[in-house]
């Protein structure tokens, strides 16, 4: 296994960008996978390309045809939910309609196939559990379970060639991620978070809310809003 080669799942958001810069800082030679799954916020695909180019990393855009139902990010008949500070605790704990069924399972499976085929031992993903929308595939136990899948279901593992998933942001808040990204020199002006994917961030969806809150708590100004 090439120990300093890594697959990085790059969405174009500030979390995945910070993860890419973190992996690069740790000395990994990064290959970025960017997924086009017909998401509404397709602008993030170009953001991901720009971020990879900025850091001089190779990237590949993978087109996936996911079912158009089950998520407001895919089904344009559904409205993108807005973040309301007055929502009840019960609704806060509910999984929002922006959840895409099995998305990270699919993404990680493709990354795993790419890593195993190319003899690469590391996969990085910028998921984190705090200040997030409650997606079940962004939790620590999910990644632990997927790591077990790798150990029990791959030729590499049977030959003692371990492939490891890294989640360096998993326990960090959005503010902590932004502070880390700032120290690493992440070009936040190239990132995109808004679920609407229009010319400017809507400022109303959950992703915009957490991004704005994170920059405020970090004591920094979001370059997309300045």
C-alpha atoms as a PDB file:
ATOM      1  CA  UNK A   1       0.000   0.000   0.000  1.00  0.00           C
ATOM      2  CA  UNK A   2       1.126   3.528  -0.753  1.00  0.00           C
ATOM      3  CA  UNK A   3       0.899   4.909   2.776  1.00  0.00           C
ATOM      4  CA  UNK A   4       1.093   8.588   1.852  1.00  0.00           C
ATOM      5  CA  UNK A   5      -1.445   8.381  -0.953  1.00  0.00           C
ATOM      6  CA  UNK A   6      -4.994   9.371  -0.035  1.00  0.00           C
ATOM      7  CA  UNK A   7      -8.463   9.625  -1.508  1.00  0.00           C
ATOM      8  CA  UNK A   8     -10.266  12.781  -0.353  1.00  0.00           C
ATOM      9  CA  UNK A   9     -14.011  13.193  -0.800  1.00  0.00           C
ATOM     10  CA  UNK A  10     -14.314  16.804  -1.893  1.00  0.00           C
ATOM     11  CA  UNK A  11     -17.781  18.355  -2.042  1.00  0.00           C
ATOM     12  CA  UNK A  12     -16.772  22.002  -2.399  1.00  0.00           C
ATOM     13  CA  UNK A  13     -17.961  22.948   1.079  1.00  0.00           C
ATOM     14  CA  UNK A  14     -15.743  24.373   3.797  1.00  0.00           C
ATOM     15  CA  UNK A  15     -15.636  21.085   5.743  1.00  0.00           C
ATOM     16  CA  UNK A  16     -14.295  18.987   2.876  1.00  0.00           C
ATOM     17  CA  UNK A  17     -11.940  21.785   1.829  1.00  0.00           C
ATOM     18  CA  UNK A  18     -10.502  21.979   5.352  1.00  0.00           C
ATOM     19  CA  UNK A  19     -10.118  18.193   5.366  1.00  0.00           C
ATOM     20  CA  UNK A  20      -8.224  18.318   2.074  1.00  0.00           C
ATOM     21  CA  UNK A  21      -5.886  21.015   3.349  1.00  0.00           C
ATOM     22  CA  UNK A  22      -5.403  19.088   6.605  1.00  0.00           C
ATOM     23  CA  UNK A  23      -4.474  15.901   4.735  1.00  0.00           C
ATOM     24  CA  UNK A  24      -2.095  17.844   2.500  1.00  0.00           C
ATOM     25  CA  UNK A  25      -0.499  19.446   5.566  1.00  0.00           C
ATOM     26  CA  UNK A  26       0.072  15.969   7.002  1.00  0.00           C
ATOM     27  CA  UNK A  27       2.065  15.052   3.913  1.00  0.00           C
ATOM     28  CA  UNK A  28      -0.514  13.056   1.963  1.00  0.00           C
ATOM     29  CA  UNK A  29      -0.564  13.090  -1.817  1.00  0.00           C
ATOM     30  CA  UNK A  30      -4.277  13.668  -2.357  1.00  0.00           C
ATOM     31  CA  UNK A  31      -6.563  12.420  -5.112  1.00  0.00           C
ATOM     32  CA  UNK A  32      -9.924  14.205  -4.925  1.00  0.00           C
ATOM     33  CA  UNK A  33     -13.219  12.548  -5.785  1.00  0.00           C
ATOM     34  CA  UNK A  34     -16.045  14.963  -6.611  1.00  0.00           C
ATOM     35  CA  UNK A  35     -19.559  13.580  -6.941  1.00  0.00           C
ATOM     36  CA  UNK A  36     -22.177  14.833  -9.349  1.00  0.00           C
ATOM     37  CA  UNK A  37     -25.440  13.285  -8.190  1.00  0.00           C
ATOM     38  CA  UNK A  38     -27.767  15.878  -9.786  1.00  0.00           C
ATOM     39  CA  UNK A  39     -27.876  17.871  -6.565  1.00  0.00           C
ATOM     40  CA  UNK A  40     -29.654  21.222  -6.633  1.00  0.00           C
ATOM     41  CA  UNK A  41     -26.561  22.986  -5.394  1.00  0.00           C
ATOM     42  CA  UNK A  42     -24.516  21.943  -8.420  1.00  0.00           C
ATOM     43  CA  UNK A  43     -22.444  25.066  -7.931  1.00  0.00           C
ATOM     44  CA  UNK A  44     -20.507  23.119  -5.302  1.00  0.00           C
ATOM     45  CA  UNK A  45     -19.076  20.898  -8.046  1.00  0.00           C
ATOM     46  CA  UNK A  46     -17.272  23.829  -9.636  1.00  0.00           C
ATOM     47  CA  UNK A  47     -16.189  24.997  -6.187  1.00  0.00           C
ATOM     48  CA  UNK A  48     -14.652  21.590  -5.543  1.00  0.00           C
ATOM     49  CA  UNK A  49     -12.794  21.703  -8.862  1.00  0.00           C
ATOM     50  CA  UNK A  50     -11.451  25.187  -8.058  1.00  0.00           C
ATOM     51  CA  UNK A  51     -10.290  24.114  -4.595  1.00  0.00           C
ATOM     52  CA  UNK A  52      -8.485  21.055  -5.947  1.00  0.00           C
ATOM     53  CA  UNK A  53      -6.797  23.171  -8.635  1.00  0.00           C
ATOM     54  CA  UNK A  54      -5.798  25.790  -6.061  1.00  0.00           C
ATOM     55  CA  UNK A  55      -3.957  23.147  -4.067  1.00  0.00           C
ATOM     56  CA  UNK A  56      -2.538  21.402  -7.129  1.00  0.00           C
ATOM     57  CA  UNK A  57      -4.384  18.137  -6.512  1.00  0.00           C
ATOM     58  CA  UNK A  58      -5.685  15.765  -9.141  1.00  0.00           C
ATOM     59  CA  UNK A  59      -9.428  15.308  -9.157  1.00  0.00           C
ATOM     60  CA  UNK A  60     -12.084  13.219 -10.803  1.00  0.00           C
ATOM     61  CA  UNK A  61     -15.780  14.041 -11.142  1.00  0.00           C
ATOM     62  CA  UNK A  62     -17.941  10.940 -10.765  1.00  0.00           C
ATOM     63  CA  UNK A  63     -21.487  11.045 -12.111  1.00  0.00           C
ATOM     64  CA  UNK A  64     -24.029   9.050 -10.086  1.00  0.00           C
ATOM     65  CA  UNK A  65     -27.697   8.567 -10.910  1.00  0.00           C
ATOM     66  CA  UNK A  66     -29.403   8.462  -7.538  1.00  0.00           C
ATOM     67  CA  UNK A  67     -33.176   8.086  -7.082  1.00  0.00           C
ATOM     68  CA  UNK A  68     -34.717  11.525  -7.391  1.00  0.00           C
ATOM     69  CA  UNK A  69     -37.090  10.863  -4.495  1.00  0.00           C
ATOM     70  CA  UNK A  70     -36.287  10.867  -0.813  1.00  0.00           C
ATOM     71  CA  UNK A  71     -34.419  14.179  -0.575  1.00  0.00           C
ATOM     72  CA  UNK A  72     -35.185  17.832  -1.172  1.00  0.00           C
ATOM     73  CA  UNK A  73     -31.666  18.159  -2.616  1.00  0.00           C
ATOM     74  CA  UNK A  74     -32.757  15.909  -5.484  1.00  0.00           C
ATOM     75  CA  UNK A  75     -36.534  16.217  -5.772  1.00  0.00           C
ATOM     76  CA  UNK A  76     -37.341  19.711  -6.991  1.00  0.00           C
ATOM     77  CA  UNK A  77     -40.961  19.247  -5.996  1.00  0.00           C
ATOM     78  CA  UNK A  78     -39.852  19.455  -2.378  1.00  0.00           C
ATOM     79  CA  UNK A  79     -38.910  22.729  -0.710  1.00  0.00           C
ATOM     80  CA  UNK A  80     -35.503  23.216   0.854  1.00  0.00           C
ATOM     81  CA  UNK A  81     -36.212  23.614   4.598  1.00  0.00           C
ATOM     82  CA  UNK A  82     -35.292  26.929   6.164  1.00  0.00           C
ATOM     83  CA  UNK A  83     -33.579  27.220   9.499  1.00  0.00           C
ATOM     84  CA  UNK A  84     -35.889  28.718  12.105  1.00  0.00           C
ATOM     85  CA  UNK A  85     -34.378  29.572  15.467  1.00  0.00           C
ATOM     86  CA  UNK A  86     -37.758  29.022  17.110  1.00  0.00           C
ATOM     87  CA  UNK A  87     -38.143  25.369  16.091  1.00  0.00           C
ATOM     88  CA  UNK A  88     -38.809  22.947  18.905  1.00  0.00           C
ATOM     89  CA  UNK A  89     -36.218  20.584  20.300  1.00  0.00           C
ATOM     90  CA  UNK A  90     -38.200  17.704  18.821  1.00  0.00           C
ATOM     91  CA  UNK A  91     -37.859  19.132  15.328  1.00  0.00           C
ATOM     92  CA  UNK A  92     -34.198  19.883  15.946  1.00  0.00           C
ATOM     93  CA  UNK A  93     -33.582  16.184  16.487  1.00  0.00           C
ATOM     94  CA  UNK A  94     -35.473  15.177  13.349  1.00  0.00           C
ATOM     95  CA  UNK A  95     -33.505  14.241  10.239  1.00  0.00           C
ATOM     96  CA  UNK A  96     -34.193  17.007   7.683  1.00  0.00           C
ATOM     97  CA  UNK A  97     -35.428  16.463   4.138  1.00  0.00           C
ATOM     98  CA  UNK A  98     -31.978  17.444   2.818  1.00  0.00           C
ATOM     99  CA  UNK A  99     -30.727  14.013   3.880  1.00  0.00           C
ATOM    100  CA  UNK A 100     -29.877  12.036   0.733  1.00  0.00           C
ATOM    101  CA  UNK A 101     -30.604   8.315   1.217  1.00  0.00           C
ATOM    102  CA  UNK A 102     -27.405   6.321   1.762  1.00  0.00           C
ATOM    103  CA  UNK A 103     -25.267   9.088   0.240  1.00  0.00           C
ATOM    104  CA  UNK A 104     -22.146   8.593   2.348  1.00  0.00           C
ATOM    105  CA  UNK A 105     -22.440   4.815   2.074  1.00  0.00           C
ATOM    106  CA  UNK A 106     -22.368   5.176  -1.708  1.00  0.00           C
ATOM    107  CA  UNK A 107     -19.596   7.792  -1.701  1.00  0.00           C
ATOM    108  CA  UNK A 108     -17.387   5.803   0.656  1.00  0.00           C
ATOM    109  CA  UNK A 109     -17.991   2.582  -1.274  1.00  0.00           C
ATOM    110  CA  UNK A 110     -16.814   4.224  -4.492  1.00  0.00           C
ATOM    111  CA  UNK A 111     -13.843   5.775  -2.677  1.00  0.00           C
ATOM    112  CA  UNK A 112     -13.013   2.365  -1.224  1.00  0.00           C
ATOM    113  CA  UNK A 113     -13.147   0.733  -4.659  1.00  0.00           C
ATOM    114  CA  UNK A 114     -10.908   3.461  -6.076  1.00  0.00           C
ATOM    115  CA  UNK A 115      -8.476   3.136  -3.149  1.00  0.00           C
ATOM    116  CA  UNK A 116      -8.265  -0.642  -3.342  1.00  0.00           C
ATOM    117  CA  UNK A 117      -7.859  -0.652  -7.123  1.00  0.00           C
ATOM    118  CA  UNK A 118      -5.045   1.890  -6.904  1.00  0.00           C
ATOM    119  CA  UNK A 119      -3.339   0.430  -3.834  1.00  0.00           C
ATOM    120  CA  UNK A 120      -4.112   3.508  -1.715  1.00  0.00           C
ATOM    121  CA  UNK A 121      -4.410   3.060   2.039  1.00  0.00           C
ATOM    122  CA  UNK A 122      -6.209   6.215   3.232  1.00  0.00           C
ATOM    123  CA  UNK A 123      -9.636   7.770   2.653  1.00  0.00           C
ATOM    124  CA  UNK A 124     -10.508  11.202   4.061  1.00  0.00           C
ATOM    125  CA  UNK A 125     -14.010  12.567   4.552  1.00  0.00           C
ATOM    126  CA  UNK A 126     -14.940  15.897   6.177  1.00  0.00           C
ATOM    127  CA  UNK A 127     -17.938  14.732   8.200  1.00  0.00           C
ATOM    128  CA  UNK A 128     -18.581  16.048  11.700  1.00  0.00           C
ATOM    129  CA  UNK A 129     -21.298  15.460  14.264  1.00  0.00           C
ATOM    130  CA  UNK A 130     -21.586  18.787  16.087  1.00  0.00           C
ATOM    131  CA  UNK A 131     -23.487  21.828  14.796  1.00  0.00           C
ATOM    132  CA  UNK A 132     -24.814  19.682  11.994  1.00  0.00           C
ATOM    133  CA  UNK A 133     -28.153  18.628  10.575  1.00  0.00           C
ATOM    134  CA  UNK A 134     -28.329  15.254  12.310  1.00  0.00           C
ATOM    135  CA  UNK A 135     -27.580  13.100   9.271  1.00  0.00           C
ATOM    136  CA  UNK A 136     -27.118   9.481  10.433  1.00  0.00           C
ATOM    137  CA  UNK A 137     -24.255   8.925   7.965  1.00  0.00           C
ATOM    138  CA  UNK A 138     -22.182  11.675   9.585  1.00  0.00           C
ATOM    139  CA  UNK A 139     -21.886   9.995  12.972  1.00  0.00           C
ATOM    140  CA  UNK A 140     -18.869   8.315  14.527  1.00  0.00           C
ATOM    141  CA  UNK A 141     -20.602   4.948  14.875  1.00  0.00           C
ATOM    142  CA  UNK A 142     -21.395   4.934  11.169  1.00  0.00           C
ATOM    143  CA  UNK A 143     -17.741   5.374  10.212  1.00  0.00           C
ATOM    144  CA  UNK A 144     -16.686   2.745  12.757  1.00  0.00           C
ATOM    145  CA  UNK A 145     -19.188   0.346  11.211  1.00  0.00           C
ATOM    146  CA  UNK A 146     -17.976   1.103   7.690  1.00  0.00           C
ATOM    147  CA  UNK A 147     -14.391   0.507   8.799  1.00  0.00           C
ATOM    148  CA  UNK A 148     -15.491  -2.966   9.884  1.00  0.00           C
ATOM    149  CA  UNK A 149     -17.028  -3.500   6.445  1.00  0.00           C
ATOM    150  CA  UNK A 150     -13.637  -2.743   4.905  1.00  0.00           C
ATOM    151  CA  UNK A 151     -11.945  -5.212   7.232  1.00  0.00           C
ATOM    152  CA  UNK A 152     -14.410  -8.004   6.483  1.00  0.00           C
ATOM    153  CA  UNK A 153     -15.264  -7.415   2.835  1.00  0.00           C
ATOM    154  CA  UNK A 154     -12.143  -6.489   0.873  1.00  0.00           C
ATOM    155  CA  UNK A 155      -9.281  -8.386  -0.686  1.00  0.00           C
ATOM    156  CA  UNK A 156      -6.881  -5.799   0.692  1.00  0.00           C
ATOM    157  CA  UNK A 157      -7.863  -6.566   4.275  1.00  0.00           C
ATOM    158  CA  UNK A 158      -7.578 -10.318   3.717  1.00  0.00           C
ATOM    159  CA  UNK A 159      -4.032  -9.699   2.496  1.00  0.00           C
ATOM    160  CA  UNK A 160      -3.249  -7.511   5.526  1.00  0.00           C
ATOM    161  CA  UNK A 161      -3.219  -4.337   3.436  1.00  0.00           C
ATOM    162  CA  UNK A 162      -5.359  -2.054   5.553  1.00  0.00           C
ATOM    163  CA  UNK A 163      -7.418   0.804   4.134  1.00  0.00           C
ATOM    164  CA  UNK A 164      -8.356   3.348   6.787  1.00  0.00           C
ATOM    165  CA  UNK A 165     -11.056   6.008   6.852  1.00  0.00           C
ATOM    166  CA  UNK A 166      -9.987   9.310   8.410  1.00  0.00           C
ATOM    167  CA  UNK A 167     -12.515  11.785   9.827  1.00  0.00           C
ATOM    168  CA  UNK A 168     -10.293  14.550  11.246  1.00  0.00           C
ATOM    169  CA  UNK A 169     -13.230  16.926  11.851  1.00  0.00           C
ATOM    170  CA  UNK A 170     -15.628  14.463  13.448  1.00  0.00           C
ATOM    171  CA  UNK A 171     -15.608  16.003  16.951  1.00  0.00           C
ATOM    172  CA  UNK A 172     -15.198  19.644  15.933  1.00  0.00           C
ATOM    173  CA  UNK A 173     -17.815  22.388  15.876  1.00  0.00           C
ATOM    174  CA  UNK A 174     -18.279  24.464  12.757  1.00  0.00           C
ATOM    175  CA  UNK A 175     -16.426  27.349  14.428  1.00  0.00           C
ATOM    176  CA  UNK A 176     -13.478  25.091  15.263  1.00  0.00           C
ATOM    177  CA  UNK A 177     -13.407  23.829  11.674  1.00  0.00           C
ATOM    178  CA  UNK A 178     -13.363  27.390  10.347  1.00  0.00           C
ATOM    179  CA  UNK A 179     -10.542  28.359  12.722  1.00  0.00           C
ATOM    180  CA  UNK A 180      -8.564  25.295  11.629  1.00  0.00           C
ATOM    181  CA  UNK A 181      -9.228  26.044   7.974  1.00  0.00           C
ATOM    182  CA  UNK A 182      -8.111  29.631   8.473  1.00  0.00           C
ATOM    183  CA  UNK A 183      -4.812  28.464   9.979  1.00  0.00           C
ATOM    184  CA  UNK A 184      -4.307  26.045   7.093  1.00  0.00           C
ATOM    185  CA  UNK A 185      -4.970  28.743   4.515  1.00  0.00           C
ATOM    186  CA  UNK A 186      -8.194  27.273   3.125  1.00  0.00           C
ATOM    187  CA  UNK A 187      -9.596  29.624   0.447  1.00  0.00           C
ATOM    188  CA  UNK A 188     -13.065  29.974   1.958  1.00  0.00           C
ATOM    189  CA  UNK A 189     -14.004  32.322  -0.863  1.00  0.00           C
ATOM    190  CA  UNK A 190     -13.901  29.317  -3.206  1.00  0.00           C
ATOM    191  CA  UNK A 191     -16.132  27.126  -1.032  1.00  0.00           C
ATOM    192  CA  UNK A 192     -19.895  26.804  -1.336  1.00  0.00           C
ATOM    193  CA  UNK A 193     -22.377  25.670   1.314  1.00  0.00           C
ATOM    194  CA  UNK A 194     -25.851  26.916   0.322  1.00  0.00           C
ATOM    195  CA  UNK A 195     -28.351  24.207  -0.632  1.00  0.00           C
ATOM    196  CA  UNK A 196     -30.028  26.504  -3.144  1.00  0.00           C
ATOM    197  CA  UNK A 197     -26.963  26.762  -5.381  1.00  0.00           C
ATOM    198  CA  UNK A 198     -27.852  30.150  -6.808  1.00  0.00           C
ATOM    199  CA  UNK A 199     -25.565  33.124  -7.499  1.00  0.00           C
ATOM    200  CA  UNK A 200     -25.454  34.136  -3.832  1.00  0.00           C
ATOM    201  CA  UNK A 201     -26.033  32.179  -0.609  1.00  0.00           C
ATOM    202  CA  UNK A 202     -29.703  32.251   0.392  1.00  0.00           C
ATOM    203  CA  UNK A 203     -28.852  32.784   4.074  1.00  0.00           C
ATOM    204  CA  UNK A 204     -31.951  30.837   5.104  1.00  0.00           C
ATOM    205  CA  UNK A 205     -31.277  27.127   4.637  1.00  0.00           C
ATOM    206  CA  UNK A 206     -29.732  25.010   7.395  1.00  0.00           C
ATOM    207  CA  UNK A 207     -26.357  24.885   5.678  1.00  0.00           C
ATOM    208  CA  UNK A 208     -26.228  28.687   5.393  1.00  0.00           C
ATOM    209  CA  UNK A 209     -27.300  29.007   9.027  1.00  0.00           C
ATOM    210  CA  UNK A 210     -24.557  26.740  10.372  1.00  0.00           C
ATOM    211  CA  UNK A 211     -21.948  28.391   8.152  1.00  0.00           C
ATOM    212  CA  UNK A 212     -22.894  31.905   9.277  1.00  0.00           C
ATOM    213  CA  UNK A 213     -23.058  30.815  12.917  1.00  0.00           C
ATOM    214  CA  UNK A 214     -19.651  29.150  12.607  1.00  0.00           C
ATOM    215  CA  UNK A 215     -17.951  32.227  11.173  1.00  0.00           C
ATOM    216  CA  UNK A 216     -19.532  34.442  13.836  1.00  0.00           C
ATOM    217  CA  UNK A 217     -18.388  32.151  16.661  1.00  0.00           C
ATOM    218  CA  UNK A 218     -14.918  31.932  15.126  1.00  0.00           C
ATOM    219  CA  UNK A 219     -14.719  35.730  15.066  1.00  0.00           C
ATOM    220  CA  UNK A 220     -14.176  35.783  11.322  1.00  0.00           C
ATOM    221  CA  UNK A 221     -16.022  37.184   8.320  1.00  0.00           C
ATOM    222  CA  UNK A 222     -17.356  34.853   5.660  1.00  0.00           C
ATOM    223  CA  UNK A 223     -15.771  36.068   2.374  1.00  0.00           C
ATOM    224  CA  UNK A 224     -18.914  35.035   0.492  1.00  0.00           C
ATOM    225  CA  UNK A 225     -20.902  37.608   2.490  1.00  0.00           C
ATOM    226  CA  UNK A 226     -18.354  40.418   2.674  1.00  0.00           C
END
